Amino acid sequence: MIGNVDVRALLSLQKLEYLRLNTGIDHIEALLDLPRLKEVRVLDNGTYDEVTTTGTPARRTFDALKDRGVRVWVHWASATERTPPAFE
C-alpha cells in the first residue's frame, strides 16, 4: 500500500492535466504550481475533512483551483462509516 503522496514530486510534470489520488496527500498546495491541471479527483478520508472545513490550507487550495477552472472532486472513504457527500 502506498502512503501519502507528496505533490511536490509531481511538479516536474508541467503538462499534467488530470490527477486522481486514492491516498493521503502531503503539500497539497503544490497543486497550484501545475499550470495545465484540468481536473483533480481525490478519494481519501483525511483530505475530505480538510477540504470541507472553511479556512484550512487544503480548502483554500481547492477553492483556488476551482477559481482557475480546474474541476475538483474529493470524496471521503471508509469501510465502516456512512459516506458523506462528495465535495465538488
Protein backbone atom coordinates (compact mmCIF):
# COMPACT_ATOMS: atom_id res chain seq x y z
CA MET A 1 0.00 0.00 0.00
CA ILE A 2 1.23 3.48 -0.86
CA GLY A 3 1.46 6.01 1.94
CA ASN A 4 0.95 9.72 1.38
CA VAL A 5 1.85 11.27 -1.96
CA ASP A 6 4.00 14.41 -1.85
CA VAL A 7 2.56 16.58 -4.62
CA ARG A 8 5.91 18.39 -4.95
CA ALA A 9 7.22 15.20 -6.58
CA LEU A 10 4.81 15.85 -9.47
CA LEU A 11 5.96 19.40 -10.22
CA SER A 12 8.32 18.27 -12.99
CA LEU A 13 5.20 17.07 -14.86
CA GLN A 14 4.24 20.55 -16.06
CA LYS A 15 1.93 19.10 -18.76
CA LEU A 16 -0.08 17.09 -16.22
CA GLU A 17 -3.79 17.70 -16.83
CA TYR A 18 -5.62 15.01 -14.86
CA LEU A 19 -4.75 13.73 -11.41
CA ARG A 20 -6.51 11.03 -9.42
CA LEU A 21 -5.27 10.14 -5.95
CA ASN A 22 -6.61 7.39 -3.72
CA THR A 23 -4.29 8.01 -0.81
CA GLY A 24 -3.21 10.76 1.56
CA ILE A 25 -1.64 13.91 0.18
CA ASP A 26 1.27 15.96 1.50
CA HIS A 27 1.94 19.53 0.33
CA ILE A 28 -1.43 19.80 -1.36
CA GLU A 29 -0.73 23.48 -2.08
CA ALA A 30 1.79 22.37 -4.74
CA LEU A 31 -1.21 21.56 -6.97
CA LEU A 32 -1.35 25.30 -7.63
CA ASP A 33 2.05 25.03 -9.35
CA LEU A 34 0.72 22.65 -12.03
CA PRO A 35 -0.32 25.15 -14.72
CA ARG A 36 -2.13 22.75 -17.07
CA LEU A 37 -4.14 20.92 -14.43
CA LYS A 38 -7.75 20.50 -15.59
CA GLU A 39 -9.10 18.01 -13.06
CA VAL A 40 -8.13 16.61 -9.68
CA ARG A 41 -10.02 13.77 -8.02
CA VAL A 42 -9.22 12.58 -4.52
CA LEU A 43 -10.65 9.57 -2.71
CA ASP A 44 -9.36 9.74 0.85
CA ASN A 45 -10.73 10.10 4.38
CA GLY A 46 -8.19 12.62 5.72
CA THR A 47 -8.34 15.03 2.80
CA TYR A 48 -12.14 15.20 2.87
CA ASP A 49 -12.18 16.72 6.36
CA GLU A 50 -9.51 19.23 5.40
CA VAL A 51 -11.29 20.30 2.22
CA THR A 52 -14.77 20.65 3.72
CA THR A 53 -13.58 22.83 6.61
CA THR A 54 -13.57 26.53 5.71
CA GLY A 55 -10.23 28.28 6.08
CA THR A 56 -7.95 25.22 6.04
CA PRO A 57 -4.98 25.23 3.65
CA ALA A 58 -6.49 22.33 1.69
CA ARG A 59 -9.82 24.16 1.30
CA ARG A 60 -8.08 27.34 0.16
CA THR A 61 -6.04 25.32 -2.35
CA PHE A 62 -9.05 23.58 -3.83
CA ASP A 63 -11.06 26.81 -3.93
CA ALA A 64 -8.17 28.49 -5.79
CA LEU A 65 -8.06 25.59 -8.24
CA LYS A 66 -11.80 25.85 -8.82
CA ASP A 67 -11.48 29.60 -9.38
CA ARG A 68 -8.87 28.78 -12.02
CA GLY A 69 -11.34 26.48 -13.79
CA VAL A 70 -9.96 23.17 -12.52
CA ARG A 71 -12.62 20.52 -11.87
CA VAL A 72 -12.26 19.36 -8.28
CA TRP A 73 -13.75 16.23 -6.75
CA VAL A 74 -12.94 14.99 -3.25
CA HIS A 75 -14.72 12.03 -1.72
CA TRP A 76 -14.46 10.58 1.74
CA ALA A 77 -13.85 6.84 2.08
CA SER A 78 -14.35 4.47 4.97
CA ALA A 79 -15.09 0.79 5.27
CA THR A 80 -17.10 1.21 8.48
CA GLU A 81 -18.84 4.60 8.46
CA ARG A 82 -21.60 6.22 6.45
CA THR A 83 -20.24 8.12 3.44
CA PRO A 84 -20.89 11.87 3.46
CA PRO A 85 -21.50 13.60 0.11
CA ALA A 86 -18.59 14.45 -2.19
CA PHE A 87 -17.12 17.95 -2.21
CA GLU A 88 -17.34 19.49 -5.66
